[in-house]
Amino acid sequence: MKSVTVILSVAILFLLSSCLKPDHFVRITNNNYDPIINVMVGPASFGEVDPLRTTDYMHIPEGTSTISGVDKNNSSIVLTGNVSVTGDGKHRWTVTINQNGTLSIQRDK
C-alpha cells in the first residue's frame, strides 16, 4: 500500500510540473491581400502564407521573438516586429498580418 501511495505521489508531481513548464505555440493569419513569403517567428519558419489564410501552430520559445516576412508582390514591403510570449503551461498565440501591414498578436483560448 505504501508503494502505491509513493508511485501516485510521484505521478502527480510529474503531471503538475509538466503543466507548469512554459510551452508556447504560434500561428499566422494573413489578412493582407498579398501573399507573404519567408514568414518567421523566432526559429519557427512558416514559409509562404497566402492571403486570408491561417497557418497551423508551430512551437516557439518563451520570451521575445522576431517576426519577419516579405510581401511576395512587392519585395520593398518588409514586415518586421517582435512578439513577447510568457506564462507557465501551454499557450497558443495568433499573429495577424493586417491589411495595412501592421502586426498584432492575441492569446488564443
PDB file of N, CA and C in Angstrom:
ATOM      1  N   MET A   1       0.823  -1.198   0.000  1.00  0.00           N
ATOM      2  CA  MET A   1       0.000   0.000   0.000  1.00  0.00           C
ATOM      3  C   MET A   1       0.866   1.262   0.000  1.00  0.00           C
ATOM      4  N   LYS A   2       1.953   1.196   0.772  1.00  0.00           N
ATOM      5  CA  LYS A   2       2.834   2.364   0.849  1.00  0.00           C
ATOM      6  C   LYS A   2       3.490   2.641  -0.504  1.00  0.00           C
ATOM      7  N   SER A   3       3.849   1.577  -1.239  1.00  0.00           N
ATOM      8  CA  SER A   3       4.477   1.779  -2.551  1.00  0.00           C
ATOM      9  C   SER A   3       3.494   2.378  -3.550  1.00  0.00           C
ATOM     10  N   VAL A   4       2.223   2.023  -3.445  1.00  0.00           N
ATOM     11  CA  VAL A   4       1.210   2.591  -4.326  1.00  0.00           C
ATOM     12  C   VAL A   4       1.066   4.088  -4.049  1.00  0.00           C
ATOM     13  N   THR A   5       1.082   4.478  -2.801  1.00  0.00           N
ATOM     14  CA  THR A   5       0.985   5.883  -2.426  1.00  0.00           C
ATOM     15  C   THR A   5       2.179   6.667  -2.947  1.00  0.00           C
ATOM     16  N   VAL A   6       3.365   6.098  -2.839  1.00  0.00           N
ATOM     17  CA  VAL A   6       4.578   6.759  -3.326  1.00  0.00           C
ATOM     18  C   VAL A   6       4.519   6.909  -4.843  1.00  0.00           C
ATOM     19  N   ILE A   7       4.105   5.868  -5.543  1.00  0.00           N
ATOM     20  CA  ILE A   7       4.011   5.917  -7.008  1.00  0.00           C
ATOM     21  C   ILE A   7       2.994   6.968  -7.442  1.00  0.00           C
ATOM     22  N   LEU A   8       1.839   7.002  -6.782  1.00  0.00           N
ATOM     23  CA  LEU A   8       0.826   8.009  -7.113  1.00  0.00           C
ATOM     24  C   LEU A   8       1.327   9.416  -6.820  1.00  0.00           C
ATOM     25  N   SER A   9       2.031   9.597  -5.728  1.00  0.00           N
ATOM     26  CA  SER A   9       2.574  10.917  -5.386  1.00  0.00           C
ATOM     27  C   SER A   9       3.571  11.384  -6.434  1.00  0.00           C
ATOM     28  N   VAL A  10       4.450  10.492  -6.866  1.00  0.00           N
ATOM     29  CA  VAL A  10       5.438  10.838  -7.892  1.00  0.00           C
ATOM     30  C   VAL A  10       4.736  11.166  -9.205  1.00  0.00           C
ATOM     31  N   ALA A  11       3.726  10.394  -9.568  1.00  0.00           N
ATOM     32  CA  ALA A  11       2.987  10.638 -10.814  1.00  0.00           C
ATOM     33  C   ALA A  11       2.284  11.995 -10.767  1.00  0.00           C
ATOM     34  N   ILE A  12       1.692  12.340  -9.655  1.00  0.00           N
ATOM     35  CA  ILE A  12       1.006  13.626  -9.515  1.00  0.00           C
ATOM     36  C   ILE A  12       2.003  14.773  -9.599  1.00  0.00           C
ATOM     37  N   LEU A  13       3.148  14.641  -8.928  1.00  0.00           N
ATOM     38  CA  LEU A  13       4.177  15.679  -9.002  1.00  0.00           C
ATOM     39  C   LEU A  13       4.684  15.850 -10.425  1.00  0.00           C
ATOM     40  N   PHE A  14       4.860  14.747 -11.149  1.00  0.00           N
ATOM     41  CA  PHE A  14       5.312  14.815 -12.538  1.00  0.00           C
ATOM     42  C   PHE A  14       4.302  15.553 -13.405  1.00  0.00           C
ATOM     43  N   LEU A  15       3.027  15.232 -13.235  1.00  0.00           N
ATOM     44  CA  LEU A  15       1.978  15.896 -14.019  1.00  0.00           C
ATOM     45  C   LEU A  15       1.897  17.382 -13.695  1.00  0.00           C
ATOM     46  N   LEU A  16       1.985  17.727 -12.426  1.00  0.00           N
ATOM     47  CA  LEU A  16       1.926  19.131 -12.045  1.00  0.00           C
ATOM     48  C   LEU A  16       3.122  19.908 -12.578  1.00  0.00           C
ATOM     49  N   SER A  17       4.303  19.318 -12.510  1.00  0.00           N
ATOM     50  CA  SER A  17       5.487  20.037 -13.002  1.00  0.00           C
ATOM     51  C   SER A  17       5.443  20.196 -14.510  1.00  0.00           C
ATOM     52  N   SER A  18       4.895  19.219 -15.240  1.00  0.00           N
ATOM     53  CA  SER A  18       4.814  19.361 -16.695  1.00  0.00           C
ATOM     54  C   SER A  18       3.786  20.411 -17.092  1.00  0.00           C
ATOM     55  N   CYS A  19       2.765  20.634 -16.272  1.00  0.00           N
ATOM     56  CA  CYS A  19       1.770  21.666 -16.557  1.00  0.00           C
ATOM     57  C   CYS A  19       2.328  23.067 -16.319  1.00  0.00           C
ATOM     58  N   LEU A  20       3.350  23.183 -15.513  1.00  0.00           N
ATOM     59  CA  LEU A  20       3.900  24.486 -15.182  1.00  0.00           C
ATOM     60  C   LEU A  20       5.010  24.919 -16.132  1.00  0.00           C
ATOM     61  N   LYS A  21       5.521  24.008 -16.940  1.00  0.00           N
ATOM     62  CA  LYS A  21       6.565  24.370 -17.889  1.00  0.00           C
ATOM     63  C   LYS A  21       5.986  25.257 -18.981  1.00  0.00           C
ATOM     64  N   PRO A  22       6.711  26.305 -19.379  1.00  0.00           N
ATOM     65  CA  PRO A  22       6.212  27.133 -20.483  1.00  0.00           C
ATOM     66  C   PRO A  22       6.248  26.357 -21.802  1.00  0.00           C
ATOM     67  N   ASP A  23       5.163  26.401 -22.516  1.00  0.00           N
ATOM     68  CA  ASP A  23       5.046  25.703 -23.794  1.00  0.00           C
ATOM     69  C   ASP A  23       4.187  26.577 -24.705  1.00  0.00           C
ATOM     70  N   HIS A  24       4.835  27.271 -25.652  1.00  0.00           N
ATOM     71  CA  HIS A  24       4.146  28.266 -26.461  1.00  0.00           C
ATOM     72  C   HIS A  24       4.101  27.855 -27.932  1.00  0.00           C
ATOM     73  N   PHE A  25       2.937  28.099 -28.538  1.00  0.00           N
ATOM     74  CA  PHE A  25       2.722  27.806 -29.950  1.00  0.00           C
ATOM     75  C   PHE A  25       2.144  29.050 -30.611  1.00  0.00           C
ATOM     76  N   VAL A  26       2.546  29.292 -31.853  1.00  0.00           N
ATOM     77  CA  VAL A  26       2.075  30.468 -32.571  1.00  0.00           C
ATOM     78  C   VAL A  26       1.630  30.065 -33.971  1.00  0.00           C
ATOM     79  N   ARG A  27       0.654  30.789 -34.496  1.00  0.00           N
ATOM     80  CA  ARG A  27       0.227  30.620 -35.881  1.00  0.00           C
ATOM     81  C   ARG A  27       0.119  32.001 -36.494  1.00  0.00           C
ATOM     82  N   ILE A  28       0.053  32.043 -37.823  1.00  0.00           N
ATOM     83  CA  ILE A  28      -0.011  33.308 -38.557  1.00  0.00           C
ATOM     84  C   ILE A  28      -1.339  33.386 -39.303  1.00  0.00           C
ATOM     85  N   THR A  29      -2.025  34.521 -39.192  1.00  0.00           N
ATOM     86  CA  THR A  29      -3.197  34.819 -40.011  1.00  0.00           C
ATOM     87  C   THR A  29      -2.822  35.980 -40.920  1.00  0.00           C
ATOM     88  N   ASN A  30      -2.968  35.775 -42.226  1.00  0.00           N
ATOM     89  CA  ASN A  30      -2.634  36.814 -43.199  1.00  0.00           C
ATOM     90  C   ASN A  30      -3.915  37.476 -43.680  1.00  0.00           C
ATOM     91  N   ASN A  31      -4.223  38.645 -43.130  1.00  0.00           N
ATOM     92  CA  ASN A  31      -5.399  39.407 -43.562  1.00  0.00           C
ATOM     93  C   ASN A  31      -5.047  40.411 -44.652  1.00  0.00           C
ATOM     94  N   ASN A  32      -3.860  40.292 -45.195  1.00  0.00           N
ATOM     95  CA  ASN A  32      -3.408  41.137 -46.290  1.00  0.00           C
ATOM     96  C   ASN A  32      -3.921  40.532 -47.599  1.00  0.00           C
ATOM     97  N   TYR A  33      -3.949  41.318 -48.658  1.00  0.00           N
ATOM     98  CA  TYR A  33      -4.416  40.801 -49.953  1.00  0.00           C
ATOM     99  C   TYR A  33      -3.291  40.198 -50.777  1.00  0.00           C
ATOM    100  N   ASP A  34      -2.057  40.293 -50.290  1.00  0.00           N
ATOM    101  CA  ASP A  34      -0.904  39.707 -50.980  1.00  0.00           C
ATOM    102  C   ASP A  34      -0.349  38.546 -50.163  1.00  0.00           C
ATOM    103  N   PRO A  35       0.235  37.561 -50.838  1.00  0.00           N
ATOM    104  CA  PRO A  35       0.925  36.502 -50.103  1.00  0.00           C
ATOM    105  C   PRO A  35       2.156  37.094 -49.406  1.00  0.00           C
ATOM    106  N   ILE A  36       2.474  36.568 -48.244  1.00  0.00           N
ATOM    107  CA  ILE A  36       3.660  36.978 -47.514  1.00  0.00           C
ATOM    108  C   ILE A  36       4.613  35.780 -47.506  1.00  0.00           C
ATOM    109  N   ILE A  37       5.857  36.013 -47.932  1.00  0.00           N
ATOM    110  CA  ILE A  37       6.826  34.920 -48.029  1.00  0.00           C
ATOM    111  C   ILE A  37       7.882  35.046 -46.932  1.00  0.00           C
ATOM    112  N   ASN A  38       8.569  33.929 -46.727  1.00  0.00           N
ATOM    113  CA  ASN A  38       9.650  33.852 -45.732  1.00  0.00           C
ATOM    114  C   ASN A  38       9.187  34.307 -44.344  1.00  0.00           C
ATOM    115  N   VAL A  39       7.981  33.909 -43.957  1.00  0.00           N
ATOM    116  CA  VAL A  39       7.438  34.316 -42.664  1.00  0.00           C
ATOM    117  C   VAL A  39       8.114  33.509 -41.554  1.00  0.00           C
ATOM    118  N   MET A  40       8.679  34.244 -40.593  1.00  0.00           N
ATOM    119  CA  MET A  40       9.367  33.638 -39.463  1.00  0.00           C
ATOM    120  C   MET A  40       8.875  34.284 -38.170  1.00  0.00           C
ATOM    121  N   VAL A  41       8.748  33.466 -37.144  1.00  0.00           N
ATOM    122  CA  VAL A  41       8.555  33.960 -35.784  1.00  0.00           C
ATOM    123  C   VAL A  41       9.603  33.243 -34.949  1.00  0.00           C
ATOM    124  N   GLY A  42      10.644  33.983 -34.582  1.00  0.00           N
ATOM    125  CA  GLY A  42      11.774  33.341 -33.895  1.00  0.00           C
ATOM    126  C   GLY A  42      12.324  32.245 -34.781  1.00  0.00           C
ATOM    127  N   PRO A  43      12.492  31.027 -34.239  1.00  0.00           N
ATOM    128  CA  PRO A  43      13.031  29.928 -35.032  1.00  0.00           C
ATOM    129  C   PRO A  43      11.987  29.217 -35.902  1.00  0.00           C
ATOM    130  N   ALA A  44      10.709  29.565 -35.748  1.00  0.00           N
ATOM    131  CA  ALA A  44       9.637  28.887 -36.479  1.00  0.00           C
ATOM    132  C   ALA A  44       9.479  29.500 -37.872  1.00  0.00           C
ATOM    133  N   SER A  45       9.620  28.662 -38.894  1.00  0.00           N
ATOM    134  CA  SER A  45       9.505  29.116 -40.274  1.00  0.00           C
ATOM    135  C   SER A  45       8.166  28.670 -40.858  1.00  0.00           C
ATOM    136  N   PHE A  46       7.365  29.644 -41.282  1.00  0.00           N
ATOM    137  CA  PHE A  46       6.049  29.361 -41.843  1.00  0.00           C
ATOM    138  C   PHE A  46       6.051  29.393 -43.371  1.00  0.00           C
ATOM    139  N   GLY A  47       7.175  29.775 -43.969  1.00  0.00           N
ATOM    140  CA  GLY A  47       7.254  29.828 -45.427  1.00  0.00           C
ATOM    141  C   GLY A  47       6.345  30.896 -45.996  1.00  0.00           C
ATOM    142  N   GLU A  48       5.543  30.521 -47.003  1.00  0.00           N
ATOM    143  CA  GLU A  48       4.614  31.456 -47.638  1.00  0.00           C
ATOM    144  C   GLU A  48       3.233  31.312 -47.004  1.00  0.00           C
ATOM    145  N   VAL A  49       2.650  32.455 -46.645  1.00  0.00           N
ATOM    146  CA  VAL A  49       1.295  32.468 -46.083  1.00  0.00           C
ATOM    147  C   VAL A  49       0.401  33.204 -47.072  1.00  0.00           C
ATOM    148  N   ASP A  50      -0.525  32.475 -47.656  1.00  0.00           N
ATOM    149  CA  ASP A  50      -1.417  33.043 -48.664  1.00  0.00           C
ATOM    150  C   ASP A  50      -2.390  34.049 -48.052  1.00  0.00           C
ATOM    151  N   PRO A  51      -2.944  34.932 -48.897  1.00  0.00           N
ATOM    152  CA  PRO A  51      -3.905  35.920 -48.411  1.00  0.00           C
ATOM    153  C   PRO A  51      -5.119  35.266 -47.757  1.00  0.00           C
ATOM    154  N   LEU A  52      -5.581  35.877 -46.685  1.00  0.00           N
ATOM    155  CA  LEU A  52      -6.795  35.451 -45.983  1.00  0.00           C
ATOM    156  C   LEU A  52      -6.729  33.997 -45.518  1.00  0.00           C
ATOM    157  N   ARG A  53      -5.527  33.545 -45.156  1.00  0.00           N
ATOM    158  CA  ARG A  53      -5.307  32.174 -44.664  1.00  0.00           C
ATOM    159  C   ARG A  53      -4.670  32.220 -43.281  1.00  0.00           C
ATOM    160  N   THR A  54      -4.837  31.125 -42.549  1.00  0.00           N
ATOM    161  CA  THR A  54      -4.215  30.948 -41.242  1.00  0.00           C
ATOM    162  C   THR A  54      -3.405  29.657 -41.265  1.00  0.00           C
ATOM    163  N   THR A  55      -2.191  29.727 -40.746  1.00  0.00           N
ATOM    164  CA  THR A  55      -1.307  28.564 -40.728  1.00  0.00           C
ATOM    165  C   THR A  55      -1.646  27.647 -39.554  1.00  0.00           C
ATOM    166  N   ASP A  56      -0.985  26.505 -39.526  1.00  0.00           N
ATOM    167  CA  ASP A  56      -1.021  25.644 -38.353  1.00  0.00           C
ATOM    168  C   ASP A  56      -0.130  26.256 -37.281  1.00  0.00           C
ATOM    169  N   TYR A  57      -0.296  25.792 -36.055  1.00  0.00           N
ATOM    170  CA  TYR A  57       0.546  26.257 -34.954  1.00  0.00           C
ATOM    171  C   TYR A  57       1.941  25.645 -35.055  1.00  0.00           C
ATOM    172  N   MET A  58       2.935  26.440 -34.634  1.00  0.00           N
ATOM    173  CA  MET A  58       4.316  25.961 -34.524  1.00  0.00           C
ATOM    174  C   MET A  58       4.858  26.396 -33.170  1.00  0.00           C
ATOM    175  N   HIS A  59       5.753  25.596 -32.632  1.00  0.00           N
ATOM    176  CA  HIS A  59       6.338  25.865 -31.324  1.00  0.00           C
ATOM    177  C   HIS A  59       7.347  27.013 -31.398  1.00  0.00           C
ATOM    178  N   ILE A  60       7.301  27.904 -30.405  1.00  0.00           N
ATOM    179  CA  ILE A  60       8.316  28.960 -30.261  1.00  0.00           C
ATOM    180  C   ILE A  60       8.755  28.992 -28.798  1.00  0.00           C
ATOM    181  N   PRO A  61       9.964  29.489 -28.534  1.00  0.00           N
ATOM    182  CA  PRO A  61      10.421  29.567 -27.147  1.00  0.00           C
ATOM    183  C   PRO A  61       9.743  30.714 -26.399  1.00  0.00           C
ATOM    184  N   GLU A  62       9.724  30.593 -25.085  1.00  0.00           N
ATOM    185  CA  GLU A  62       9.205  31.682 -24.261  1.00  0.00           C
ATOM    186  C   GLU A  62      10.153  32.874 -24.362  1.00  0.00           C
ATOM    187  N   GLY A  63       9.593  34.070 -24.277  1.00  0.00           N
ATOM    188  CA  GLY A  63      10.390  35.290 -24.348  1.00  0.00           C
ATOM    189  C   GLY A  63      10.055  36.079 -25.604  1.00  0.00           C
ATOM    190  N   THR A  64      11.010  36.876 -26.048  1.00  0.00           N
ATOM    191  CA  THR A  64      10.799  37.741 -27.207  1.00  0.00           C
ATOM    192  C   THR A  64      11.345  37.092 -28.469  1.00  0.00           C
ATOM    193  N   SER A  65      10.537  37.054 -29.501  1.00  0.00           N
ATOM    194  CA  SER A  65      10.937  36.509 -30.804  1.00  0.00           C
ATOM    195  C   SER A  65      10.715  37.573 -31.877  1.00  0.00           C
ATOM    196  N   THR A  66      11.574  37.573 -32.873  1.00  0.00           N
ATOM    197  CA  THR A  66      11.447  38.491 -34.000  1.00  0.00           C
ATOM    198  C   THR A  66      10.485  37.904 -35.026  1.00  0.00           C
ATOM    199  N   ILE A  67       9.624  38.752 -35.568  1.00  0.00           N
ATOM    200  CA  ILE A  67       8.703  38.370 -36.638  1.00  0.00           C
ATOM    201  C   ILE A  67       9.211  39.015 -37.921  1.00  0.00           C
ATOM    202  N   SER A  68       9.239  38.248 -39.005  1.00  0.00           N
ATOM    203  CA  SER A  68       9.677  38.826 -40.273  1.00  0.00           C
ATOM    204  C   SER A  68       8.949  38.162 -41.433  1.00  0.00           C
ATOM    205  N   GLY A  69       8.887  38.882 -42.542  1.00  0.00           N
ATOM    206  CA  GLY A  69       8.275  38.386 -43.765  1.00  0.00           C
ATOM    207  C   GLY A  69       8.373  39.448 -44.845  1.00  0.00           C
ATOM    208  N   VAL A  70       8.099  39.041 -46.080  1.00  0.00           N
ATOM    209  CA  VAL A  70       8.202  39.944 -47.230  1.00  0.00           C
ATOM    210  C   VAL A  70       6.954  39.776 -48.086  1.00  0.00           C
ATOM    211  N   ASP A  71       6.401  40.896 -48.536  1.00  0.00           N
ATOM    212  CA  ASP A  71       5.261  40.868 -49.451  1.00  0.00           C
ATOM    213  C   ASP A  71       5.736  40.270 -50.781  1.00  0.00           C
ATOM    214  N   LYS A  72       5.102  39.186 -51.197  1.00  0.00           N
ATOM    215  CA  LYS A  72       5.533  38.484 -52.417  1.00  0.00           C
ATOM    216  C   LYS A  72       5.387  39.360 -53.663  1.00  0.00           C
ATOM    217  N   ASN A  73       4.381  40.218 -53.711  1.00  0.00           N
ATOM    218  CA  ASN A  73       4.126  41.044 -54.894  1.00  0.00           C
ATOM    219  C   ASN A  73       4.877  42.370 -54.878  1.00  0.00           C
ATOM    220  N   ASN A  74       5.462  42.709 -53.733  1.00  0.00           N
ATOM    221  CA  ASN A  74       6.198  43.965 -53.622  1.00  0.00           C
ATOM    222  C   ASN A  74       7.299  43.770 -52.578  1.00  0.00           C
ATOM    223  N   SER A  75       8.456  43.341 -53.039  1.00  0.00           N
ATOM    224  CA  SER A  75       9.537  42.976 -52.117  1.00  0.00           C
ATOM    225  C   SER A  75      10.079  44.155 -51.318  1.00  0.00           C
ATOM    226  N   SER A  76       9.673  45.376 -51.670  1.00  0.00           N
ATOM    227  CA  SER A  76      10.110  46.518 -50.870  1.00  0.00           C
ATOM    228  C   SER A  76       9.291  46.633 -49.576  1.00  0.00           C
ATOM    229  N   ILE A  77       8.190  45.878 -49.490  1.00  0.00           N
ATOM    230  CA  ILE A  77       7.385  45.864 -48.267  1.00  0.00           C
ATOM    231  C   ILE A  77       7.860  44.703 -47.405  1.00  0.00           C
ATOM    232  N   VAL A  78       8.570  45.051 -46.341  1.00  0.00           N
ATOM    233  CA  VAL A  78       9.132  44.049 -45.437  1.00  0.00           C
ATOM    234  C   VAL A  78       8.429  44.176 -44.091  1.00  0.00           C
ATOM    235  N   LEU A  79       7.935  43.051 -43.606  1.00  0.00           N
ATOM    236  CA  LEU A  79       7.273  43.048 -42.308  1.00  0.00           C
ATOM    237  C   LEU A  79       8.294  42.697 -41.237  1.00  0.00           C
ATOM    238  N   THR A  80       8.351  43.498 -40.197  1.00  0.00           N
ATOM    239  CA  THR A  80       9.230  43.210 -39.065  1.00  0.00           C
ATOM    240  C   THR A  80       8.517  43.592 -37.782  1.00  0.00           C
ATOM    241  N   GLY A  81       8.882  42.918 -36.743  1.00  0.00           N
ATOM    242  CA  GLY A  81       8.316  43.228 -35.435  1.00  0.00           C
ATOM    243  C   GLY A  81       8.822  42.229 -34.415  1.00  0.00           C
ATOM    244  N   ASN A  82       8.370  42.394 -33.207  1.00  0.00           N
ATOM    245  CA  ASN A  82       8.721  41.477 -32.123  1.00  0.00           C
ATOM    246  C   ASN A  82       7.459  41.034 -31.432  1.00  0.00           C
ATOM    247  N   VAL A  83       7.510  39.841 -30.900  1.00  0.00           N
ATOM    248  CA  VAL A  83       6.413  39.321 -30.105  1.00  0.00           C
ATOM    249  C   VAL A  83       7.016  38.756 -28.824  1.00  0.00           C
ATOM    250  N   SER A  84       6.359  39.030 -27.721  1.00  0.00           N
ATOM    251  CA  SER A  84       6.812  38.530 -26.433  1.00  0.00           C
ATOM    252  C   SER A  84       5.740  37.619 -25.865  1.00  0.00           C
ATOM    253  N   VAL A  85       6.102  36.368 -25.605  1.00  0.00           N
ATOM    254  CA  VAL A  85       5.159  35.400 -25.051  1.00  0.00           C
ATOM    255  C   VAL A  85       5.713  34.878 -23.734  1.00  0.00           C
ATOM    256  N   THR A  86       4.872  34.877 -22.721  1.00  0.00           N
ATOM    257  CA  THR A  86       5.265  34.387 -21.407  1.00  0.00           C
ATOM    258  C   THR A  86       4.100  33.668 -20.765  1.00  0.00           C
ATOM    259  N   GLY A  87       4.413  32.921 -19.730  1.00  0.00           N
ATOM    260  CA  GLY A  87       3.385  32.233 -18.962  1.00  0.00           C
ATOM    261  C   GLY A  87       3.676  30.759 -18.832  1.00  0.00           C
ATOM    262  N   ASP A  88       3.403  30.227 -17.652  1.00  0.00           N
ATOM    263  CA  ASP A  88       3.596  28.807 -17.418  1.00  0.00           C
ATOM    264  C   ASP A  88       2.453  28.021 -18.028  1.00  0.00           C
ATOM    265  N   GLY A  89       2.736  26.804 -18.418  1.00  0.00           N
ATOM    266  CA  GLY A  89       1.735  25.957 -19.034  1.00  0.00           C
ATOM    267  C   GLY A  89       1.716  26.134 -20.544  1.00  0.00           C
ATOM    268  N   LYS A  90       0.710  25.562 -21.172  1.00  0.00           N
ATOM    269  CA  LYS A  90       0.599  25.580 -22.632  1.00  0.00           C
ATOM    270  C   LYS A  90      -0.223  26.781 -23.079  1.00  0.00           C
ATOM    271  N   HIS A  91       0.335  27.552 -24.021  1.00  0.00           N
ATOM    272  CA  HIS A  91      -0.351  28.726 -24.547  1.00  0.00           C
ATOM    273  C   HIS A  91      -0.287  28.715 -26.073  1.00  0.00           C
ATOM    274  N   ARG A  92      -1.347  29.199 -26.693  1.00  0.00           N
ATOM    275  CA  ARG A  92      -1.408  29.331 -28.154  1.00  0.00           C
ATOM    276  C   ARG A  92      -1.657  30.802 -28.484  1.00  0.00           C
ATOM    277  N   TRP A  93      -0.938  31.276 -29.495  1.00  0.00           N
ATOM    278  CA  TRP A  93      -0.987  32.680 -29.891  1.00  0.00           C
ATOM    279  C   TRP A  93      -1.252  32.781 -31.382  1.00  0.00           C
ATOM    280  N   THR A  94      -1.917  33.855 -31.812  1.00  0.00           N
ATOM    281  CA  THR A  94      -2.102  34.141 -33.231  1.00  0.00           C
ATOM    282  C   THR A  94      -1.508  35.505 -33.540  1.00  0.00           C
ATOM    283  N   VAL A  95      -0.575  35.521 -34.493  1.00  0.00           N
ATOM    284  CA  VAL A  95      -0.024  36.772 -35.016  1.00  0.00           C
ATOM    285  C   VAL A  95      -0.802  37.083 -36.291  1.00  0.00           C
ATOM    286  N   THR A  96      -1.384  38.268 -36.359  1.00  0.00           N
ATOM    287  CA  THR A  96      -2.168  38.666 -37.525  1.00  0.00           C
ATOM    288  C   THR A  96      -1.414  39.721 -38.316  1.00  0.00           C
ATOM    289  N   ILE A  97      -1.294  39.472 -39.619  1.00  0.00           N
ATOM    290  CA  ILE A  97      -0.757  40.470 -40.549  1.00  0.00           C
ATOM    291  C   ILE A  97      -1.971  41.234 -41.061  1.00  0.00           C
ATOM    292  N   ASN A  98      -2.081  42.484 -40.665  1.00  0.00           N
ATOM    293  CA  ASN A  98      -3.249  43.291 -41.012  1.00  0.00           C
ATOM    294  C   ASN A  98      -3.132  43.859 -42.431  1.00  0.00           C
ATOM    295  N   GLN A  99      -4.245  44.348 -42.972  1.00  0.00           N
ATOM    296  CA  GLN A  99      -4.277  44.882 -44.337  1.00  0.00           C
ATOM    297  C   GLN A  99      -3.309  46.032 -44.545  1.00  0.00           C
ATOM    298  N   ASN A 100      -3.059  46.813 -43.492  1.00  0.00           N
ATOM    299  CA  ASN A 100      -2.152  47.954 -43.621  1.00  0.00           C
ATOM    300  C   ASN A 100      -0.688  47.565 -43.348  1.00  0.00           C
ATOM    301  N   GLY A 101      -0.432  46.271 -43.187  1.00  0.00           N
ATOM    302  CA  GLY A 101       0.933  45.802 -42.980  1.00  0.00           C
ATOM    303  C   GLY A 101       1.390  45.763 -41.540  1.00  0.00           C
ATOM    304  N   THR A 102       0.549  46.196 -40.613  1.00  0.00           N
ATOM    305  CA  THR A 102       0.920  46.116 -39.204  1.00  0.00           C
ATOM    306  C   THR A 102       0.701  44.696 -38.688  1.00  0.00           C
ATOM    307  N   LEU A 103       1.309  44.416 -37.550  1.00  0.00           N
ATOM    308  CA  LEU A 103       1.198  43.104 -36.940  1.00  0.00           C
ATOM    309  C   LEU A 103       0.493  43.239 -35.599  1.00  0.00           C
ATOM    310  N   SER A 104      -0.330  42.260 -35.270  1.00  0.00           N
ATOM    311  CA  SER A 104      -0.936  42.217 -33.949  1.00  0.00           C
ATOM    312  C   SER A 104      -0.875  40.782 -33.432  1.00  0.00           C
ATOM    313  N   ILE A 105      -0.931  40.633 -32.116  1.00  0.00           N
ATOM    314  CA  ILE A 105      -0.881  39.304 -31.523  1.00  0.00           C
ATOM    315  C   ILE A 105      -1.957  39.189 -30.462  1.00  0.00           C
ATOM    316  N   GLN A 106      -2.535  38.003 -30.387  1.00  0.00           N
ATOM    317  CA  GLN A 106      -3.501  37.746 -29.327  1.00  0.00           C
ATOM    318  C   GLN A 106      -3.324  36.318 -28.843  1.00  0.00           C
ATOM    319  N   ARG A 107      -3.594  36.130 -27.576  1.00  0.00           N
ATOM    320  CA  ARG A 107      -3.550  34.788 -26.995  1.00  0.00           C
ATOM    321  C   ARG A 107      -4.876  34.106 -27.307  1.00  0.00           C
ATOM    322  N   ASP A 108      -4.800  32.898 -27.857  1.00  0.00           N
ATOM    323  CA  ASP A 108      -5.997  32.139 -28.194  1.00  0.00           C
ATOM    324  C   ASP A 108      -6.512  31.424 -26.952  1.00  0.00           C
ATOM    325  N   LYS A 109      -7.797  31.160 -26.960  1.00  0.00           N
ATOM    326  CA  LYS A 109      -8.406  30.452 -25.828  1.00  0.00           C
ATOM    327  C   LYS A 109      -8.294  28.972 -25.980  1.00  0.00           C
TER     328      LYS A 109
END
